[in-house]
Amino acid sequence: MNKFLFSILLGCSVLAAQPGINIQAVRDIRLQNLKRDYTGSTIRFIVPGSISVMGVLKDVTDKSFIISHNGSPAVYVHEEIDYVFIDPGFTGKLMAFGVGLLGGAASYLAVIISKENAHSSVKGVASSLGLVLGWRVGFKTFYKPIKIDISGKTRE
């Protein structure tokens, strides 16, 4: 009976443990991680008024971001900002392009294997469609921005 009662109390305490709480300590840890991991990277965020800001992250203080915007430093208060986005770089573009080339080559080979004397227009159309579809899949898979939550919310 004691084990059963203990397991019920433990389950209730886990389910009721701080749902949707906004803790400043969580926000500070996320900001420190952002500073440690992404200083020198290009970041993008939306300030109040739905204005998108993009620049190279130079420093993160207790109250603001310091970014290099068009070669000059700019300071933005991050209290109203919930998410920061890190756009993919050259490797993401290279991966998307590589998957597109692989799709084009695979469709060209499929036409050659499936039809012995295929007309050159069929080969061109098939490889073009494979290239476009492969590029689309590669773009959707590898070229996604990283969304970093700095809001301080533990659950949504």
Protein backbone atom coordinates (compact mmCIF):
# COMPACT_ATOMS: atom_id res chain seq x y z
CA MET A 1 0.00 0.00 0.00
CA ASN A 2 2.84 2.40 0.83
CA LYS A 3 4.50 1.78 -2.56
CA PHE A 4 1.22 2.44 -4.35
CA LEU A 5 0.62 5.67 -2.43
CA PHE A 6 4.22 6.78 -2.99
CA SER A 7 3.98 6.14 -6.76
CA ILE A 8 0.73 8.14 -6.99
CA LEU A 9 2.24 11.08 -5.08
CA LEU A 10 5.37 10.96 -7.22
CA GLY A 11 3.29 10.92 -10.41
CA CYS A 12 1.22 13.90 -9.26
CA SER A 13 4.31 15.87 -8.32
CA VAL A 14 5.87 15.24 -11.73
CA LEU A 15 2.70 16.28 -13.56
CA ALA A 16 2.23 19.43 -11.49
CA ALA A 17 5.87 20.53 -11.53
CA GLN A 18 5.99 24.10 -12.81
CA PRO A 19 3.83 23.96 -15.94
CA GLY A 20 4.42 26.93 -18.21
CA ILE A 21 6.57 28.87 -15.77
CA ASN A 22 8.68 31.80 -16.93
CA ILE A 23 11.95 31.76 -14.99
CA GLN A 24 14.61 34.43 -15.43
CA ALA A 25 17.31 31.86 -14.63
CA VAL A 26 16.25 29.75 -17.63
CA ARG A 27 16.42 32.81 -19.87
CA ASP A 28 19.88 33.72 -18.54
CA ILE A 29 21.18 30.21 -19.21
CA ARG A 30 19.80 30.28 -22.75
CA LEU A 31 21.38 33.68 -23.38
CA GLN A 32 24.74 32.46 -22.06
CA ASN A 33 24.51 29.43 -24.35
CA LEU A 34 23.66 31.71 -27.28
CA LYS A 35 26.68 33.87 -26.51
CA ARG A 36 28.99 30.87 -26.10
CA ASP A 37 27.86 28.96 -29.18
CA TYR A 38 26.95 31.62 -31.74
CA THR A 39 29.19 34.65 -31.17
CA GLY A 40 30.47 35.59 -34.63
CA SER A 41 27.55 33.93 -36.41
CA THR A 42 24.87 35.70 -38.39
CA ILE A 43 21.65 35.85 -36.38
CA ARG A 44 18.18 37.07 -37.19
CA PHE A 45 15.38 38.08 -34.82
CA ILE A 46 12.16 40.07 -34.84
CA VAL A 47 11.95 43.16 -32.63
CA PRO A 48 8.63 44.59 -31.40
CA GLY A 49 6.80 46.14 -34.30
CA SER A 50 7.47 43.09 -36.51
CA ILE A 51 10.77 44.40 -37.84
CA SER A 52 13.29 41.73 -38.75
CA VAL A 53 16.89 42.46 -37.76
CA MET A 54 19.87 40.56 -39.12
CA GLY A 55 23.54 40.90 -38.22
CA VAL A 56 26.64 39.24 -36.82
CA LEU A 57 26.37 38.56 -33.09
CA LYS A 58 29.19 40.29 -31.22
CA ASP A 59 28.08 40.08 -27.57
CA VAL A 60 25.12 39.26 -25.35
CA THR A 61 24.69 41.30 -22.17
CA ASP A 62 22.10 41.01 -19.42
CA LYS A 63 19.72 43.34 -21.23
CA SER A 64 20.74 43.51 -24.89
CA PHE A 65 22.31 42.00 -28.00
CA ILE A 66 25.26 43.72 -29.61
CA ILE A 67 25.35 42.91 -33.30
CA SER A 68 27.33 44.19 -36.23
CA HIS A 69 24.80 45.56 -38.66
CA ASN A 70 26.29 46.73 -41.99
CA GLY A 71 29.74 47.03 -40.41
CA SER A 72 28.72 49.16 -37.44
CA PRO A 73 27.72 47.91 -33.98
CA ALA A 74 24.07 48.14 -33.00
CA VAL A 75 22.45 47.41 -29.65
CA TYR A 76 19.01 45.78 -29.36
CA VAL A 77 17.18 45.09 -26.09
CA HIS A 78 16.26 41.41 -25.96
CA GLU A 79 13.57 41.53 -23.25
CA GLU A 80 10.73 41.48 -25.82
CA ILE A 81 12.45 38.93 -28.10
CA ASP A 82 11.47 35.28 -27.70
CA TYR A 83 13.28 33.59 -30.60
CA VAL A 84 16.58 34.00 -32.41
CA PHE A 85 17.18 32.34 -35.78
CA ILE A 86 20.53 31.16 -37.13
CA ASP A 87 20.35 30.91 -40.90
CA PRO A 88 22.22 28.04 -42.57
CA GLY A 89 25.53 28.79 -44.19
CA PHE A 90 27.39 27.54 -47.20
CA THR A 91 27.32 23.87 -46.13
CA GLY A 92 23.50 23.88 -46.06
CA LYS A 93 23.41 25.23 -49.61
CA LEU A 94 26.02 22.70 -50.68
CA MET A 95 24.01 19.82 -49.21
CA ALA A 96 20.81 20.98 -50.94
CA PHE A 97 22.66 21.33 -54.24
CA GLY A 98 24.26 17.89 -53.80
CA VAL A 99 20.92 16.19 -53.19
CA GLY A 100 19.57 17.91 -56.30
CA LEU A 101 22.47 16.61 -58.40
CA LEU A 102 21.96 13.15 -56.96
CA GLY A 103 18.27 13.29 -57.88
CA GLY A 104 19.07 14.37 -61.44
CA ALA A 105 21.66 11.62 -61.88
CA ALA A 106 19.35 8.98 -60.40
CA SER A 107 16.47 9.89 -62.70
CA TYR A 108 18.78 9.91 -65.74
CA LEU A 109 20.05 6.46 -64.83
CA ALA A 110 16.47 5.24 -64.23
CA VAL A 111 15.50 6.30 -67.76
CA ILE A 112 18.56 4.60 -69.27
CA ILE A 113 17.87 1.39 -67.36
CA SER A 114 14.11 1.32 -67.96
CA LYS A 115 14.15 2.08 -71.69
CA GLU A 116 16.85 0.74 -73.96
CA ASN A 117 16.76 3.35 -76.73
CA ALA A 118 15.31 6.34 -74.91
CA HIS A 119 14.97 9.56 -76.84
CA SER A 120 17.24 12.38 -75.67
CA SER A 121 14.26 14.60 -74.83
CA VAL A 122 12.92 11.94 -72.42
CA LYS A 123 16.34 11.76 -70.77
CA GLY A 124 16.47 15.55 -70.49
CA VAL A 125 12.99 15.88 -69.04
CA ALA A 126 13.52 13.05 -66.56
CA SER A 127 16.86 14.37 -65.37
CA SER A 128 15.49 17.93 -65.10
CA LEU A 129 12.52 16.76 -63.04
CA GLY A 130 14.81 14.66 -60.85
CA LEU A 131 17.13 17.62 -60.40
CA VAL A 132 14.31 19.96 -59.41
CA LEU A 133 12.64 17.46 -57.08
CA GLY A 134 15.97 16.48 -55.53
CA TRP A 135 16.88 20.13 -55.00
CA ARG A 136 13.49 20.76 -53.40
CA VAL A 137 13.91 17.81 -51.03
CA GLY A 138 17.47 18.86 -50.22
CA PHE A 139 16.40 22.45 -49.60
CA LYS A 140 13.56 21.40 -47.29
CA THR A 141 15.79 18.94 -45.45
CA PHE A 142 19.15 20.68 -45.07
CA TYR A 143 18.49 24.39 -45.52
CA LYS A 144 16.47 25.19 -42.41
CA PRO A 145 17.21 27.99 -39.97
CA ILE A 146 17.94 27.00 -36.38
CA LYS A 147 15.27 28.42 -34.05
CA ILE A 148 16.63 29.22 -30.58
CA ASP A 149 14.11 29.89 -27.82
CA ILE A 150 15.35 32.56 -25.40
CA SER A 151 11.97 33.33 -23.85
CA GLY A 152 12.56 31.60 -20.51
CA LYS A 153 9.42 29.51 -20.78
CA THR A 154 9.99 25.91 -19.77
CA ARG A 155 6.81 24.53 -21.38
CA GLU A 156 4.31 25.84 -23.86
